[in-house]
Amino acid sequence: MKLQSIRKEYKLSVLDESSISKNPLKQFEEWLNESFKAKVPEPTAMSVASIGLNGFPESRIVLLKDFNRDGFTFFTNYNSNKGKSIAKNPSVGLHFFWPELERQIRISGIAEKTPDEISDKYFISRPELSQIAAIVSNQSSKIKSREKLTKLFDEEKSKLKPFKRPDYWGGYVVKPIRYEFWQGRENRLHDRIIYEKENGNWNISRLAP
C-alpha cells in the first residue's frame, strides 16, 4: 500500500469569523449537535492527552459525559495511568475528530476531580455490569490472566446490591483555557479558528493551516 498516494479533498463546509459564535462553548455545542444529526459514530468519543509519569505524552479515547460552563466531564479510575498523570500534572488536552463532517476540535485545559455527588450520581446511572467492571478493574495495572479478571467480576456480581461507587473511581472536569476549531477545506487550506482565554474573556484568532 502506497500511503503517500492517499488523498481526500475536504469540501463539506467552511468556518469563518463572521459566522462562528463568540462563545466557544456554544460553538462546541452547535458542532456536537450537528455530529448527532449526521449520525457520526461515537460523536462523544474524545482523546484525552496528558503527560505521563515517565515524561512522555499519553493519549487515550474516553467518552464525554457532560459539558457546561464549568468544563468537560469524563469518568475513569483515579488509580489508572491517566489518573496518576493528572494528579501530577493537571494540564490536559481533549481532541474530538468527526471525519464524516471533516471537523476536529482541540481543547486545552486544567483537569479537576468532580465532587463526590456528581461521581456518585453518574455511577448509579450506569448499567449494573458496568458498575461491577469499574469496581473490579485495577485499571492500567498488569494482571495474570483474563480468567482472573472474569473470576473477580463473577464474585462481585454475586454480592448484595446496590453496588457502591469505589473511592478510586470518579469524574474529572476539564476547565478550558483554549479551543481550536478545525474545518477541512480544499487544497489543504483548512480553516482553523482559536479561542484563547485572557482576563476572563475569549479572544478569537485565525491560524494558518
Protein backbone atom coordinates (compact mmCIF):
# COMPACT_ATOMS: atom_id res chain seq x y z
CA MET A 1 0.00 0.00 0.00
CA LYS A 2 1.38 3.40 -1.01
CA LEU A 3 0.41 5.67 1.87
CA GLN A 4 1.79 8.71 0.07
CA SER A 5 -0.89 8.41 -2.59
CA ILE A 6 -3.84 8.53 -0.20
CA ARG A 7 -5.69 11.81 -0.66
CA LYS A 8 -9.06 13.22 0.33
CA GLU A 9 -10.39 16.62 -0.64
CA TYR A 10 -12.41 18.45 2.01
CA LYS A 11 -15.40 20.30 0.59
CA LEU A 12 -18.29 19.99 3.02
CA SER A 13 -18.22 23.31 4.85
CA VAL A 14 -16.39 26.49 5.77
CA LEU A 15 -15.55 28.17 9.05
CA ASP A 16 -15.13 31.93 9.27
CA GLU A 17 -15.14 34.66 11.85
CA SER A 18 -18.43 36.14 10.65
CA SER A 19 -20.45 33.00 11.38
CA ILE A 20 -18.71 31.50 14.38
CA SER A 21 -20.13 32.05 17.86
CA LYS A 22 -18.35 34.48 20.17
CA ASN A 23 -18.71 31.85 22.89
CA PRO A 24 -16.60 28.71 22.28
CA LEU A 25 -18.91 26.54 24.40
CA LYS A 26 -21.86 27.48 22.18
CA GLN A 27 -19.78 26.77 19.10
CA PHE A 28 -18.84 23.39 20.53
CA GLU A 29 -22.49 22.60 21.29
CA GLU A 30 -23.51 23.56 17.76
CA TRP A 31 -20.91 21.27 16.21
CA LEU A 32 -21.72 18.42 18.60
CA ASN A 33 -25.42 18.68 17.73
CA GLU A 34 -24.53 18.59 14.04
CA SER A 35 -22.46 15.45 14.63
CA PHE A 36 -25.53 13.78 16.15
CA LYS A 37 -27.70 14.88 13.22
CA ALA A 38 -25.10 13.48 10.82
CA LYS A 39 -25.17 10.19 12.78
CA VAL A 40 -21.45 10.25 13.34
CA PRO A 41 -20.38 7.02 15.10
CA GLU A 42 -19.43 7.73 18.72
CA PRO A 43 -19.78 11.55 18.50
CA THR A 44 -18.87 11.95 22.19
CA ALA A 45 -15.63 9.97 21.86
CA MET A 46 -12.64 12.16 22.63
CA SER A 47 -8.94 11.70 23.10
CA VAL A 48 -7.57 12.76 26.48
CA ALA A 49 -3.87 13.63 26.30
CA SER A 50 -1.74 14.00 29.41
CA ILE A 51 1.92 13.95 30.37
CA GLY A 52 2.78 10.52 31.73
CA LEU A 53 4.86 9.92 34.83
CA ASN A 54 7.74 8.94 32.53
CA GLY A 55 7.63 12.36 30.85
CA PHE A 56 6.13 11.09 27.59
CA PRO A 57 2.77 12.27 26.24
CA GLU A 58 -0.03 9.74 26.62
CA SER A 59 -3.36 9.70 24.80
CA ARG A 60 -6.44 7.53 25.11
CA ILE A 61 -10.07 7.62 24.00
CA VAL A 62 -12.81 8.22 26.59
CA LEU A 63 -16.43 9.33 26.33
CA LEU A 64 -17.61 12.85 27.11
CA LYS A 65 -20.41 12.63 29.68
CA ASP A 66 -21.25 16.28 30.31
CA PHE A 67 -20.25 19.79 29.28
CA ASN A 68 -21.26 23.19 30.59
CA ARG A 69 -19.72 26.45 31.77
CA ASP A 70 -17.67 24.52 34.32
CA GLY A 71 -15.97 22.38 31.68
CA PHE A 72 -15.95 18.96 30.03
CA THR A 73 -16.55 15.87 32.16
CA PHE A 74 -15.44 12.27 31.80
CA PHE A 75 -15.14 9.39 34.27
CA THR A 76 -12.34 6.93 34.96
CA ASN A 77 -10.31 5.08 37.57
CA TYR A 78 -8.29 7.59 39.59
CA ASN A 79 -5.52 4.98 40.01
CA SER A 80 -5.17 4.46 36.26
CA ASN A 81 -2.22 5.82 34.32
CA LYS A 82 -4.27 8.82 33.27
CA GLY A 83 -5.37 9.42 36.85
CA LYS A 84 -1.79 9.34 38.11
CA SER A 85 -0.67 11.62 35.29
CA ILE A 86 -3.40 14.15 36.01
CA ALA A 87 -2.58 14.09 39.73
CA LYS A 88 1.00 15.09 38.89
CA ASN A 89 0.21 17.49 36.05
CA PRO A 90 -3.45 18.52 35.58
CA SER A 91 -2.79 20.22 32.22
CA VAL A 92 -4.53 18.07 29.61
CA GLY A 93 -5.71 18.18 26.03
CA LEU A 94 -9.03 16.97 24.61
CA HIS A 95 -9.47 16.11 20.94
CA PHE A 96 -12.66 15.39 19.02
CA PHE A 97 -12.43 14.11 15.43
CA TRP A 98 -15.52 13.82 13.25
CA PRO A 99 -14.24 12.77 9.80
CA GLU A 100 -17.76 12.49 8.39
CA LEU A 101 -18.06 16.27 8.87
CA GLU A 102 -14.38 16.97 8.12
CA ARG A 103 -14.02 18.58 11.53
CA GLN A 104 -11.80 18.50 14.59
CA ILE A 105 -11.89 20.31 17.93
CA ARG A 106 -8.92 20.58 20.26
CA ILE A 107 -9.32 21.86 23.81
CA SER A 108 -6.55 22.64 26.29
CA GLY A 109 -7.48 22.91 29.94
CA ILE A 110 -6.93 22.05 33.57
CA ALA A 111 -8.46 18.84 34.95
CA GLU A 112 -10.01 18.65 38.41
CA LYS A 113 -11.86 15.83 40.16
CA THR A 114 -15.62 16.25 40.15
CA PRO A 115 -17.42 16.47 43.52
CA ASP A 116 -18.36 13.10 45.04
CA GLU A 117 -22.06 13.69 44.49
CA ILE A 118 -21.54 14.04 40.74
CA SER A 119 -19.43 10.88 40.58
CA ASP A 120 -22.00 9.02 42.71
CA LYS A 121 -24.90 10.14 40.55
CA TYR A 122 -23.23 9.04 37.34
CA PHE A 123 -22.02 5.74 38.81
CA ILE A 124 -25.51 4.61 39.84
CA SER A 125 -26.84 5.62 36.41
CA ARG A 126 -24.53 3.13 34.69
CA PRO A 127 -25.67 -0.39 33.80
CA GLU A 128 -25.11 -2.76 36.70
CA LEU A 129 -22.48 -4.78 34.84
CA SER A 130 -20.55 -1.61 34.06
CA GLN A 131 -20.60 -0.73 37.75
CA ILE A 132 -19.11 -4.13 38.55
CA ALA A 133 -16.40 -3.69 35.92
CA ALA A 134 -15.39 -0.36 37.48
CA ILE A 135 -15.18 -1.98 40.91
CA VAL A 136 -13.05 -5.00 39.96
CA SER A 137 -10.72 -3.44 37.40
CA ASN A 138 -7.45 -2.14 38.80
CA GLN A 139 -7.12 -0.12 35.64
CA SER A 140 -3.71 0.08 33.93
CA SER A 141 -2.14 -2.50 36.28
CA LYS A 142 -0.72 -5.78 34.97
CA ILE A 143 -2.93 -8.82 35.53
CA LYS A 144 -2.14 -12.54 35.40
CA SER A 145 -4.91 -13.51 33.03
CA ARG A 146 -8.32 -12.71 31.57
CA GLU A 147 -9.69 -15.61 33.60
CA LYS A 148 -8.57 -13.99 36.87
CA LEU A 149 -10.39 -10.79 35.94
CA THR A 150 -13.53 -12.72 34.99
CA LYS A 151 -13.45 -14.56 38.32
CA LEU A 152 -13.30 -11.26 40.21
CA PHE A 153 -16.18 -9.97 38.10
CA ASP A 154 -18.33 -13.02 38.84
CA GLU A 155 -17.56 -12.85 42.56
CA GLU A 156 -18.57 -9.19 42.74
CA LYS A 157 -21.68 -9.88 40.69
CA SER A 158 -22.89 -12.34 43.34
CA LYS A 159 -22.75 -9.76 46.15
CA LEU A 160 -25.64 -7.78 47.55
CA LYS A 161 -26.90 -4.84 45.56
CA PRO A 162 -26.93 -1.90 45.02
CA PHE A 163 -23.25 -1.52 44.33
CA LYS A 164 -21.39 1.41 45.87
CA ARG A 165 -19.05 3.60 43.87
CA PRO A 166 -15.46 2.87 44.94
CA ASP A 167 -13.47 5.90 46.05
CA TYR A 168 -10.84 5.17 43.37
CA TRP A 169 -13.36 5.75 40.57
CA GLY A 170 -14.98 9.04 39.58
CA GLY A 171 -15.06 12.04 37.32
CA TYR A 172 -12.79 14.76 36.04
CA VAL A 173 -13.92 18.10 34.72
CA VAL A 174 -11.56 19.83 32.29
CA LYS A 175 -11.77 23.61 32.53
CA PRO A 176 -10.82 25.04 29.12
CA ILE A 177 -8.30 27.79 28.55
CA ARG A 178 -8.02 27.31 24.77
CA TYR A 179 -10.16 25.91 21.96
CA GLU A 180 -9.28 25.23 18.34
CA PHE A 181 -11.99 24.51 15.76
CA TRP A 182 -10.72 22.92 12.54
CA GLN A 183 -12.73 22.64 9.34
CA GLY A 184 -11.23 20.80 6.38
CA ARG A 185 -11.03 22.81 3.17
CA GLU A 186 -9.91 22.24 -0.41
CA ASN A 187 -6.22 22.16 -1.31
CA ARG A 188 -5.30 21.70 2.36
CA LEU A 189 -6.11 25.37 3.05
CA HIS A 190 -8.06 24.36 6.14
CA ASP A 191 -9.92 26.78 8.41
CA ARG A 192 -8.52 26.96 11.94
CA ILE A 193 -10.16 29.28 14.47
CA ILE A 194 -8.87 29.51 18.03
CA TYR A 195 -10.33 30.93 21.23
CA GLU A 196 -7.86 31.92 23.95
CA LYS A 197 -8.94 32.98 27.41
CA GLU A 198 -7.50 36.23 28.72
CA ASN A 199 -8.76 38.11 31.78
CA GLY A 200 -11.99 36.15 31.70
CA ASN A 201 -12.69 36.93 28.04
CA TRP A 202 -12.31 34.84 24.90
CA ASN A 203 -10.11 36.25 22.16
CA ILE A 204 -10.70 34.82 18.67
CA SER A 205 -7.95 34.39 16.06
CA ARG A 206 -7.34 32.54 12.83
CA LEU A 207 -4.36 30.21 12.36
CA ALA A 208 -2.59 29.33 9.14
CA PRO A 209 -3.40 25.79 8.07
